[in-house]
mmCIF file of all heavy atoms, coordinates in Angstrom:
data_MODEL
# 
_entry.id   MODEL 
# 
loop_
_atom_site.group_PDB 
_atom_site.id 
_atom_site.type_symbol 
_atom_site.label_atom_id 
_atom_site.label_alt_id 
_atom_site.label_comp_id 
_atom_site.label_asym_id 
_atom_site.label_entity_id 
_atom_site.label_seq_id 
_atom_site.pdbx_PDB_ins_code 
_atom_site.Cartn_x 
_atom_site.Cartn_y 
_atom_site.Cartn_z 
_atom_site.occupancy 
_atom_site.B_iso_or_equiv 
_atom_site.pdbx_formal_charge 
_atom_site.auth_seq_id 
_atom_site.auth_comp_id 
_atom_site.auth_asym_id 
_atom_site.auth_atom_id 
_atom_site.pdbx_PDB_model_num 
ATOM 1   N N   . LYS A 1 1  ? 73.236 83.458  164.327 1.00 0.00 ? 1  LYS A N   1 
ATOM 2   C CA  . LYS A 1 1  ? 74.097 83.090  165.448 1.00 0.00 ? 1  LYS A CA  1 
ATOM 3   C C   . LYS A 1 1  ? 75.071 84.230  165.785 1.00 0.00 ? 1  LYS A C   1 
ATOM 4   O O   . LYS A 1 1  ? 75.315 84.545  166.952 1.00 0.00 ? 1  LYS A O   1 
ATOM 5   C CB  . LYS A 1 1  ? 74.892 81.829  165.100 1.00 0.00 ? 1  LYS A CB  1 
ATOM 6   C CG  . LYS A 1 1  ? 74.166 80.513  165.306 1.00 0.00 ? 1  LYS A CG  1 
ATOM 7   C CD  . LYS A 1 1  ? 75.050 79.352  164.916 1.00 0.00 ? 1  LYS A CD  1 
ATOM 8   C CE  . LYS A 1 1  ? 74.412 78.023  165.262 1.00 0.00 ? 1  LYS A CE  1 
ATOM 9   N NZ  . LYS A 1 1  ? 74.515 77.699  166.700 1.00 0.00 ? 1  LYS A NZ  1 
ATOM 10  N N   . LEU A 1 2  ? 75.612 84.846  164.735 1.00 0.00 ? 2  LEU A N   1 
ATOM 11  C CA  . LEU A 1 2  ? 76.563 85.946  164.934 1.00 0.00 ? 2  LEU A CA  1 
ATOM 12  C C   . LEU A 1 2  ? 75.933 87.072  165.739 1.00 0.00 ? 2  LEU A C   1 
ATOM 13  O O   . LEU A 1 2  ? 76.509 87.555  166.727 1.00 0.00 ? 2  LEU A O   1 
ATOM 14  C CB  . LEU A 1 2  ? 77.035 86.459  163.571 1.00 0.00 ? 2  LEU A CB  1 
ATOM 15  C CG  . LEU A 1 2  ? 77.900 87.726  163.573 1.00 0.00 ? 2  LEU A CG  1 
ATOM 16  C CD1 . LEU A 1 2  ? 79.267 87.436  164.199 1.00 0.00 ? 2  LEU A CD1 1 
ATOM 17  C CD2 . LEU A 1 2  ? 78.051 88.271  162.150 1.00 0.00 ? 2  LEU A CD2 1 
ATOM 18  N N   . PHE A 1 3  ? 74.729 87.507  165.334 1.00 0.00 ? 3  PHE A N   1 
ATOM 19  C CA  . PHE A 1 3  ? 74.099 88.662  165.982 1.00 0.00 ? 3  PHE A CA  1 
ATOM 20  C C   . PHE A 1 3  ? 73.367 88.280  167.269 1.00 0.00 ? 3  PHE A C   1 
ATOM 21  O O   . PHE A 1 3  ? 73.023 89.159  168.056 1.00 0.00 ? 3  PHE A O   1 
ATOM 22  C CB  . PHE A 1 3  ? 73.155 89.351  164.995 1.00 0.00 ? 3  PHE A CB  1 
ATOM 23  C CG  . PHE A 1 3  ? 73.873 90.088  163.896 1.00 0.00 ? 3  PHE A CG  1 
ATOM 24  C CD1 . PHE A 1 3  ? 73.946 89.563  162.616 1.00 0.00 ? 3  PHE A CD1 1 
ATOM 25  C CD2 . PHE A 1 3  ? 74.509 91.286  164.157 1.00 0.00 ? 3  PHE A CD2 1 
ATOM 26  C CE1 . PHE A 1 3  ? 74.621 90.228  161.612 1.00 0.00 ? 3  PHE A CE1 1 
ATOM 27  C CE2 . PHE A 1 3  ? 75.195 91.966  163.159 1.00 0.00 ? 3  PHE A CE2 1 
ATOM 28  C CZ  . PHE A 1 3  ? 75.250 91.431  161.879 1.00 0.00 ? 3  PHE A CZ  1 
ATOM 29  N N   . SER A 1 4  ? 73.126 86.998  167.483 1.00 0.00 ? 4  SER A N   1 
ATOM 30  C CA  . SER A 1 4  ? 72.580 86.558  168.772 1.00 0.00 ? 4  SER A CA  1 
ATOM 31  C C   . SER A 1 4  ? 73.652 86.590  169.849 1.00 0.00 ? 4  SER A C   1 
ATOM 32  O O   . SER A 1 4  ? 73.376 86.836  171.027 1.00 0.00 ? 4  SER A O   1 
ATOM 33  C CB  . SER A 1 4  ? 72.014 85.137  168.646 1.00 0.00 ? 4  SER A CB  1 
ATOM 34  O OG  . SER A 1 4  ? 70.899 85.102  167.786 1.00 0.00 ? 4  SER A OG  1 
ATOM 35  N N   . ALA A 1 5  ? 74.909 86.338  169.434 1.00 0.00 ? 5  ALA A N   1 
ATOM 36  C CA  . ALA A 1 5  ? 76.017 86.338  170.395 1.00 0.00 ? 5  ALA A CA  1 
ATOM 37  C C   . ALA A 1 5  ? 76.449 87.754  170.763 1.00 0.00 ? 5  ALA A C   1 
ATOM 38  O O   . ALA A 1 5  ? 76.847 88.015  171.904 1.00 0.00 ? 5  ALA A O   1 
ATOM 39  C CB  . ALA A 1 5  ? 77.197 85.559  169.819 1.00 0.00 ? 5  ALA A CB  1 
ATOM 40  N N   . GLN A 1 6  ? 76.386 88.663  169.790 1.00 0.00 ? 6  GLN A N   1 
ATOM 41  C CA  . GLN A 1 6  ? 76.740 90.069  170.020 1.00 0.00 ? 6  GLN A CA  1 
ATOM 42  C C   . GLN A 1 6  ? 75.795 90.939  169.207 1.00 0.00 ? 6  GLN A C   1 
ATOM 43  O O   . GLN A 1 6  ? 75.538 90.649  168.027 1.00 0.00 ? 6  GLN A O   1 
ATOM 44  C CB  . GLN A 1 6  ? 78.177 90.348  169.563 1.00 0.00 ? 6  GLN A CB  1 
ATOM 45  C CG  . GLN A 1 6  ? 79.271 89.695  170.379 1.00 0.00 ? 6  GLN A CG  1 
ATOM 46  C CD  . GLN A 1 6  ? 80.640 90.020  169.810 1.00 0.00 ? 6  GLN A CD  1 
ATOM 47  O OE1 . GLN A 1 6  ? 80.956 89.637  168.684 1.00 0.00 ? 6  GLN A OE1 1 
ATOM 48  N NE2 . GLN A 1 6  ? 81.454 90.735  170.592 1.00 0.00 ? 6  GLN A NE2 1 
ATOM 49  N N   . ASP A 1 7  ? 75.282 92.003  169.805 1.00 0.00 ? 7  ASP A N   1 
ATOM 50  C CA  . ASP A 1 7  ? 74.408 92.879  169.041 1.00 0.00 ? 7  ASP A CA  1 
ATOM 51  C C   . ASP A 1 7  ? 75.254 93.741  168.095 1.00 0.00 ? 7  ASP A C   1 
ATOM 52  O O   . ASP A 1 7  ? 76.486 93.784  168.203 1.00 0.00 ? 7  ASP A O   1 
ATOM 53  C CB  . ASP A 1 7  ? 73.508 93.723  169.955 1.00 0.00 ? 7  ASP A CB  1 
ATOM 54  C CG  . ASP A 1 7  ? 74.274 94.745  170.790 1.00 0.00 ? 7  ASP A CG  1 
ATOM 55  O OD1 . ASP A 1 7  ? 75.315 95.260  170.321 1.00 0.00 ? 7  ASP A OD1 1 
ATOM 56  O OD2 . ASP A 1 7  ? 73.821 95.052  171.897 1.00 0.00 ? 7  ASP A OD2 1 
ATOM 57  N N   . PRO A 1 8  ? 74.636 94.437  167.137 1.00 0.00 ? 8  PRO A N   1 
ATOM 58  C CA  . PRO A 1 8  ? 75.402 95.197  166.147 1.00 0.00 ? 8  PRO A CA  1 
ATOM 59  C C   . PRO A 1 8  ? 76.376 96.205  166.745 1.00 0.00 ? 8  PRO A C   1 
ATOM 60  O O   . PRO A 1 8  ? 77.486 96.383  166.223 1.00 0.00 ? 8  PRO A O   1 
ATOM 61  C CB  . PRO A 1 8  ? 74.305 95.889  165.328 1.00 0.00 ? 8  PRO A CB  1 
ATOM 62  C CG  . PRO A 1 8  ? 73.150 94.944  165.395 1.00 0.00 ? 8  PRO A CG  1 
ATOM 63  C CD  . PRO A 1 8  ? 73.196 94.393  166.790 1.00 0.00 ? 8  PRO A CD  1 
ATOM 64  N N   . SER A 1 9  ? 76.001 96.852  167.840 1.00 0.00 ? 9  SER A N   1 
ATOM 65  C CA  . SER A 1 9  ? 76.909 97.850  168.421 1.00 0.00 ? 9  SER A CA  1 
ATOM 66  C C   . SER A 1 9  ? 78.173 97.185  168.957 1.00 0.00 ? 9  SER A C   1 
ATOM 67  O O   . SER A 1 9  ? 79.286 97.736  168.836 1.00 0.00 ? 9  SER A O   1 
ATOM 68  C CB  . SER A 1 9  ? 76.201 98.633  169.532 1.00 0.00 ? 9  SER A CB  1 
ATOM 69  O OG  . SER A 1 9  ? 75.830 97.774  170.597 1.00 0.00 ? 9  SER A OG  1 
ATOM 70  N N   . GLU A 1 10 ? 78.033 96.004  169.548 1.00 0.00 ? 10 GLU A N   1 
ATOM 71  C CA  . GLU A 1 10 ? 79.202 95.281  170.060 1.00 0.00 ? 10 GLU A CA  1 
ATOM 72  C C   . GLU A 1 10 ? 80.093 94.802  168.912 1.00 0.00 ? 10 GLU A C   1 
ATOM 73  O O   . GLU A 1 10 ? 81.328 94.872  168.995 1.00 0.00 ? 10 GLU A O   1 
ATOM 74  C CB  . GLU A 1 10 ? 78.745 94.096  170.909 1.00 0.00 ? 10 GLU A CB  1 
ATOM 75  C CG  . GLU A 1 10 ? 78.060 94.501  172.206 1.00 0.00 ? 10 GLU A CG  1 
ATOM 76  C CD  . GLU A 1 10 ? 77.445 93.318  172.929 1.00 0.00 ? 10 GLU A CD  1 
ATOM 77  O OE1 . GLU A 1 10 ? 76.860 92.436  172.260 1.00 0.00 ? 10 GLU A OE1 1 
ATOM 78  O OE2 . GLU A 1 10 ? 77.557 93.266  174.170 1.00 0.00 ? 10 GLU A OE2 1 
ATOM 79  N N   . ILE A 1 11 ? 79.470 94.324  167.839 1.00 0.00 ? 11 ILE A N   1 
ATOM 80  C CA  . ILE A 1 11 ? 80.242 93.872  166.686 1.00 0.00 ? 11 ILE A CA  1 
ATOM 81  C C   . ILE A 1 11 ? 80.970 95.048  166.048 1.00 0.00 ? 11 ILE A C   1 
ATOM 82  O O   . ILE A 1 11 ? 82.146 94.949  165.672 1.00 0.00 ? 11 ILE A O   1 
ATOM 83  C CB  . ILE A 1 11 ? 79.319 93.162  165.671 1.00 0.00 ? 11 ILE A CB  1 
ATOM 84  C CG1 . ILE A 1 11 ? 78.834 91.834  166.255 1.00 0.00 ? 11 ILE A CG1 1 
ATOM 85  C CG2 . ILE A 1 11 ? 80.036 92.939  164.337 1.00 0.00 ? 11 ILE A CG2 1 
ATOM 86  C CD1 . ILE A 1 11 ? 77.815 91.106  165.405 1.00 0.00 ? 11 ILE A CD1 1 
ATOM 87  N N   . ARG A 1 12 ? 80.293 96.185  165.944 1.00 0.00 ? 12 ARG A N   1 
ATOM 88  C CA  . ARG A 1 12 ? 80.926 97.367  165.357 1.00 0.00 ? 12 ARG A CA  1 
ATOM 89  C C   . ARG A 1 12 ? 82.131 97.812  166.195 1.00 0.00 ? 12 ARG A C   1 
ATOM 90  O O   . ARG A 1 12 ? 83.200 98.134  165.644 1.00 0.00 ? 12 ARG A O   1 
ATOM 91  C CB  . ARG A 1 12 ? 79.911 98.510  165.235 1.00 0.00 ? 12 ARG A CB  1 
ATOM 92  C CG  . ARG A 1 12 ? 80.450 99.728  164.467 1.00 0.00 ? 12 ARG A CG  1 
ATOM 93  C CD  . ARG A 1 12 ? 79.399 100.818 164.361 1.00 0.00 ? 12 ARG A CD  1 
ATOM 94  N NE  . ARG A 1 12 ? 78.290 100.461 163.492 1.00 0.00 ? 12 ARG A NE  1 
ATOM 95  C CZ  . ARG A 1 12 ? 78.303 100.599 162.166 1.00 0.00 ? 12 ARG A CZ  1 
ATOM 96  N NH1 . ARG A 1 12 ? 79.389 101.050 161.552 1.00 0.00 ? 12 ARG A NH1 1 
ATOM 97  N NH2 . ARG A 1 12 ? 77.242 100.268 161.464 1.00 0.00 ? 12 ARG A NH2 1 
ATOM 98  N N   . ALA A 1 13 ? 81.972 97.810  167.508 1.00 0.00 ? 13 ALA A N   1 
ATOM 99  C CA  . ALA A 1 13 ? 83.070 98.236  168.383 1.00 0.00 ? 13 ALA A CA  1 
ATOM 100 C C   . ALA A 1 13 ? 84.259 97.287  168.265 1.00 0.00 ? 13 ALA A C   1 
ATOM 101 O O   . ALA A 1 13 ? 85.418 97.715  168.161 1.00 0.00 ? 13 ALA A O   1 
ATOM 102 C CB  . ALA A 1 13 ? 82.585 98.308  169.826 1.00 0.00 ? 13 ALA A CB  1 
ATOM 103 N N   . SER A 1 14 ? 83.976 95.987  168.268 1.00 0.00 ? 14 SER A N   1 
ATOM 104 C CA  . SER A 1 14 ? 85.051 94.992  168.169 1.00 0.00 ? 14 SER A CA  1 
ATOM 105 C C   . SER A 1 14 ? 85.766 95.087  166.828 1.00 0.00 ? 14 SER A C   1 
ATOM 106 O O   . SER A 1 14 ? 87.004 95.087  166.768 1.00 0.00 ? 14 SER A O   1 
ATOM 107 C CB  . SER A 1 14 ? 84.475 93.592  168.364 1.00 0.00 ? 14 SER A CB  1 
ATOM 108 O OG  . SER A 1 14 ? 85.451 92.602  168.124 1.00 0.00 ? 14 SER A OG  1 
ATOM 109 N N   . ALA A 1 15 ? 84.975 95.190  165.731 1.00 0.00 ? 15 ALA A N   1 
ATOM 110 C CA  . ALA A 1 15 ? 85.570 95.252  164.396 1.00 0.00 ? 15 ALA A CA  1 
ATOM 111 C C   . ALA A 1 15 ? 86.373 96.544  164.212 1.00 0.00 ? 15 ALA A C   1 
ATOM 112 O O   . ALA A 1 15 ? 87.461 96.539  163.614 1.00 0.00 ? 15 ALA A O   1 
ATOM 113 C CB  . ALA A 1 15 ? 84.477 95.135  163.333 1.00 0.00 ? 15 ALA A CB  1 
ATOM 114 N N   . SER A 1 16 ? 85.844 97.647  164.720 1.00 0.00 ? 16 SER A N   1 
ATOM 115 C CA  . SER A 1 16 ? 86.555 98.931  164.600 1.00 0.00 ? 16 SER A CA  1 
ATOM 116 C C   . SER A 1 16 ? 87.895 98.869  165.318 1.00 0.00 ? 16 SER A C   1 
ATOM 117 O O   . SER A 1 16 ? 88.909 99.396  164.831 1.00 0.00 ? 16 SER A O   1 
ATOM 118 C CB  . SER A 1 16 ? 85.705 100.066 165.179 1.00 0.00 ? 16 SER A CB  1 
ATOM 119 O OG  . SER A 1 16 ? 84.523 100.240 164.440 1.00 0.00 ? 16 SER A OG  1 
ATOM 120 N N   . ALA A 1 17 ? 87.913 98.221  166.468 1.00 0.00 ? 17 ALA A N   1 
ATOM 121 C CA  . ALA A 1 17 ? 89.153 98.103  167.231 1.00 0.00 ? 17 ALA A CA  1 
ATOM 122 C C   . ALA A 1 17 ? 90.198 97.261  166.506 1.00 0.00 ? 17 ALA A C   1 
ATOM 123 O O   . ALA A 1 17 ? 91.393 97.352  166.806 1.00 0.00 ? 17 ALA A O   1 
ATOM 124 C CB  . ALA A 1 17 ? 88.859 97.491  168.600 1.00 0.00 ? 17 ALA A CB  1 
ATOM 125 N N   . HIS A 1 18 ? 89.751 96.442  165.554 1.00 0.00 ? 18 HIS A N   1 
ATOM 126 C CA  . HIS A 1 18 ? 90.660 95.595  164.792 1.00 0.00 ? 18 HIS A CA  1 
ATOM 127 C C   . HIS A 1 18 ? 90.878 96.118  163.379 1.00 0.00 ? 18 HIS A C   1 
ATOM 128 O O   . HIS A 1 18 ? 91.279 95.365  162.483 1.00 0.00 ? 18 HIS A O   1 
ATOM 129 C CB  . HIS A 1 18 ? 90.131 94.158  164.745 1.00 0.00 ? 18 HIS A CB  1 
ATOM 130 C CG  . HIS A 1 18 ? 90.285 93.428  166.044 1.00 0.00 ? 18 HIS A CG  1 
ATOM 131 N ND1 . HIS A 1 18 ? 89.400 93.593  167.091 1.00 0.00 ? 18 HIS A ND1 1 
ATOM 132 C CD2 . HIS A 1 18 ? 91.237 92.543  166.487 1.00 0.00 ? 18 HIS A CD2 1 
ATOM 133 C CE1 . HIS A 1 18 ? 89.777 92.830  168.102 1.00 0.00 ? 18 HIS A CE1 1 
ATOM 134 N NE2 . HIS A 1 18 ? 90.893 92.181  167.764 1.00 0.00 ? 18 HIS A NE2 1 
ATOM 135 N N   . GLY A 1 19 ? 90.600 97.395  163.169 1.00 0.00 ? 19 GLY A N   1 
ATOM 136 C CA  . GLY A 1 19 ? 90.980 98.026  161.915 1.00 0.00 ? 19 GLY A CA  1 
ATOM 137 C C   . GLY A 1 19 ? 89.969 97.975  160.786 1.00 0.00 ? 19 GLY A C   1 
ATOM 138 O O   . GLY A 1 19 ? 90.287 98.351  159.651 1.00 0.00 ? 19 GLY A O   1 
ATOM 139 N N   . PHE A 1 20 ? 88.747 97.561  161.067 1.00 0.00 ? 20 PHE A N   1 
ATOM 140 C CA  . PHE A 1 20 ? 87.729 97.529  160.016 1.00 0.00 ? 20 PHE A CA  1 
ATOM 141 C C   . PHE A 1 20 ? 87.112 98.919  159.852 1.00 0.00 ? 20 PHE A C   1 
ATOM 142 O O   . PHE A 1 20 ? 86.889 99.634  160.837 1.00 0.00 ? 20 PHE A O   1 
ATOM 143 C CB  . PHE A 1 20 ? 86.634 96.506  160.350 1.00 0.00 ? 20 PHE A CB  1 
ATOM 144 C CG  . PHE A 1 20 ? 87.079 95.080  160.158 1.00 0.00 ? 20 PHE A CG  1 
ATOM 145 C CD1 . PHE A 1 20 ? 87.739 94.401  161.165 1.00 0.00 ? 20 PHE A CD1 1 
ATOM 146 C CD2 . PHE A 1 20 ? 86.855 94.431  158.958 1.00 0.00 ? 20 PHE A CD2 1 
ATOM 147 C CE1 . PHE A 1 20 ? 88.167 93.100  160.997 1.00 0.00 ? 20 PHE A CE1 1 
ATOM 148 C CE2 . PHE A 1 20 ? 87.275 93.122  158.775 1.00 0.00 ? 20 PHE A CE2 1 
ATOM 149 C CZ  . PHE A 1 20 ? 87.932 92.453  159.794 1.00 0.00 ? 20 PHE A CZ  1 
ATOM 150 N N   . THR A 1 21 ? 86.831 99.275  158.611 1.00 0.00 ? 21 THR A N   1 
ATOM 151 C CA  . THR A 1 21 ? 86.227 100.581 158.341 1.00 0.00 ? 21 THR A CA  1 
ATOM 152 C C   . THR A 1 21 ? 84.740 100.548 158.647 1.00 0.00 ? 21 THR A C   1 
ATOM 153 O O   . THR A 1 21 ? 84.114 99.481  158.690 1.00 0.00 ? 21 THR A O   1 
ATOM 154 C CB  . THR A 1 21 ? 86.432 100.980 156.871 1.00 0.00 ? 21 THR A CB  1 
ATOM 155 O OG1 . THR A 1 21 ? 85.674 100.091 156.037 1.00 0.00 ? 21 THR A OG1 1 
ATOM 156 C CG2 . THR A 1 21 ? 87.897 100.936 156.478 1.00 0.00 ? 21 THR A CG2 1 
ATOM 157 N N   . ASP A 1 22 ? 84.182 101.731 158.817 1.00 0.00 ? 22 ASP A N   1 
ATOM 158 C CA  . ASP A 1 22 ? 82.747 101.837 159.049 1.00 0.00 ? 22 ASP A CA  1 
ATOM 159 C C   . ASP A 1 22 ? 81.969 101.280 157.862 1.00 0.00 ? 22 ASP A C   1 
ATOM 160 O O   . ASP A 1 22 ? 80.930 100.638 158.033 1.00 0.00 ? 22 ASP A O   1 
ATOM 161 C CB  . ASP A 1 22 ? 82.366 103.298 159.292 1.00 0.00 ? 22 ASP A CB  1 
ATOM 162 C CG  . ASP A 1 22 ? 80.918 103.455 159.708 1.00 0.00 ? 22 ASP A CG  1 
ATOM 163 O OD1 . ASP A 1 22 ? 80.561 102.979 160.803 1.00 0.00 ? 22 ASP A OD1 1 
ATOM 164 O OD2 . ASP A 1 22 ? 80.130 104.030 158.923 1.00 0.00 ? 22 ASP A OD2 1 
ATOM 165 N N   . ALA A 1 23 ? 82.471 101.496 156.636 1.00 0.00 ? 23 ALA A N   1 
ATOM 166 C CA  . ALA A 1 23 ? 81.797 100.997 155.440 1.00 0.00 ? 23 ALA A CA  1 
ATOM 167 C C   . ALA A 1 23 ? 81.774 99.472  155.422 1.00 0.00 ? 23 ALA A C   1 
ATOM 168 O O   . ALA A 1 23 ? 80.767 98.854  155.033 1.00 0.00 ? 23 ALA A O   1 
ATOM 169 C CB  . ALA A 1 23 ? 82.479 101.530 154.181 1.00 0.00 ? 23 ALA A CB  1 
ATOM 170 N N   . GLU A 1 24 ? 82.854 98.836  155.823 1.00 0.00 ? 24 GLU A N   1 
ATOM 171 C CA  . GLU A 1 24 ? 82.895 97.369  155.841 1.00 0.00 ? 24 GLU A CA  1 
ATOM 172 C C   . GLU A 1 24 ? 81.875 96.814  156.834 1.00 0.00 ? 24 GLU A C   1 
ATOM 173 O O   . GLU A 1 24 ? 81.139 95.856  156.527 1.00 0.00 ? 24 GLU A O   1 
ATOM 174 C CB  . GLU A 1 24 ? 84.296 96.894  156.212 1.00 0.00 ? 24 GLU A CB  1 
ATOM 175 C CG  . GLU A 1 24 ? 85.329 97.066  155.122 1.00 0.00 ? 24 GLU A CG  1 
ATOM 176 C CD  . GLU A 1 24 ? 86.714 96.633  155.568 1.00 0.00 ? 24 GLU A CD  1 
ATOM 177 O OE1 . GLU A 1 24 ? 87.142 97.044  156.684 1.00 0.00 ? 24 GLU A OE1 1 
ATOM 178 O OE2 . GLU A 1 24 ? 87.374 95.890  154.817 1.00 0.00 ? 24 GLU A OE2 1 
ATOM 179 N N   . ILE A 1 25 ? 81.817 97.414  158.008 1.00 0.00 ? 25 ILE A N   1 
ATOM 180 C CA  . ILE A 1 25 ? 80.897 96.918  159.041 1.00 0.00 ? 25 ILE A CA  1 
ATOM 181 C C   . ILE A 1 25 ? 79.446 97.141  158.614 1.00 0.00 ? 25 ILE A C   1 
ATOM 182 O O   . ILE A 1 25 ? 78.599 96.249  158.737 1.00 0.00 ? 25 ILE A O   1 
ATOM 183 C CB  . ILE A 1 25 ? 81.177 97.614  160.389 1.00 0.00 ? 25 ILE A CB  1 
ATOM 184 C CG1 . ILE A 1 25 ? 82.640 97.403  160.791 1.00 0.00 ? 25 ILE A CG1 1 
ATOM 185 C CG2 . ILE A 1 25 ? 80.253 97.076  161.468 1.00 0.00 ? 25 ILE A CG2 1 
ATOM 186 C CD1 . ILE A 1 25 ? 83.119 98.343  161.880 1.00 0.00 ? 25 ILE A CD1 1 
ATOM 187 N N   . THR A 1 26 ? 79.178 98.341  158.104 1.00 0.00 ? 26 THR A N   1 
ATOM 188 C CA  . THR A 1 26 ? 77.820 98.628  157.631 1.00 0.00 ? 26 THR A CA  1 
ATOM 189 C C   . THR A 1 26 ? 77.446 97.695  156.485 1.00 0.00 ? 26 THR A C   1 
ATOM 190 O O   . THR A 1 26 ? 76.295 97.244  156.383 1.00 0.00 ? 26 THR A O   1 
ATOM 191 C CB  . THR A 1 26 ? 77.704 100.095 157.190 1.00 0.00 ? 26 THR A CB  1 
ATOM 192 O OG1 . THR A 1 26 ? 78.028 100.945 158.292 1.00 0.00 ? 26 THR A OG1 1 
ATOM 193 C CG2 . THR A 1 26 ? 76.294 100.409 156.713 1.00 0.00 ? 26 THR A CG2 1 
# 
């Protein structure tokens, strides 16, 4: 459901904007 609502690039952009590291997202 998570990745159907937003693809990985959108999730990465949103999470990065909220202070998440690249390692956490990966």
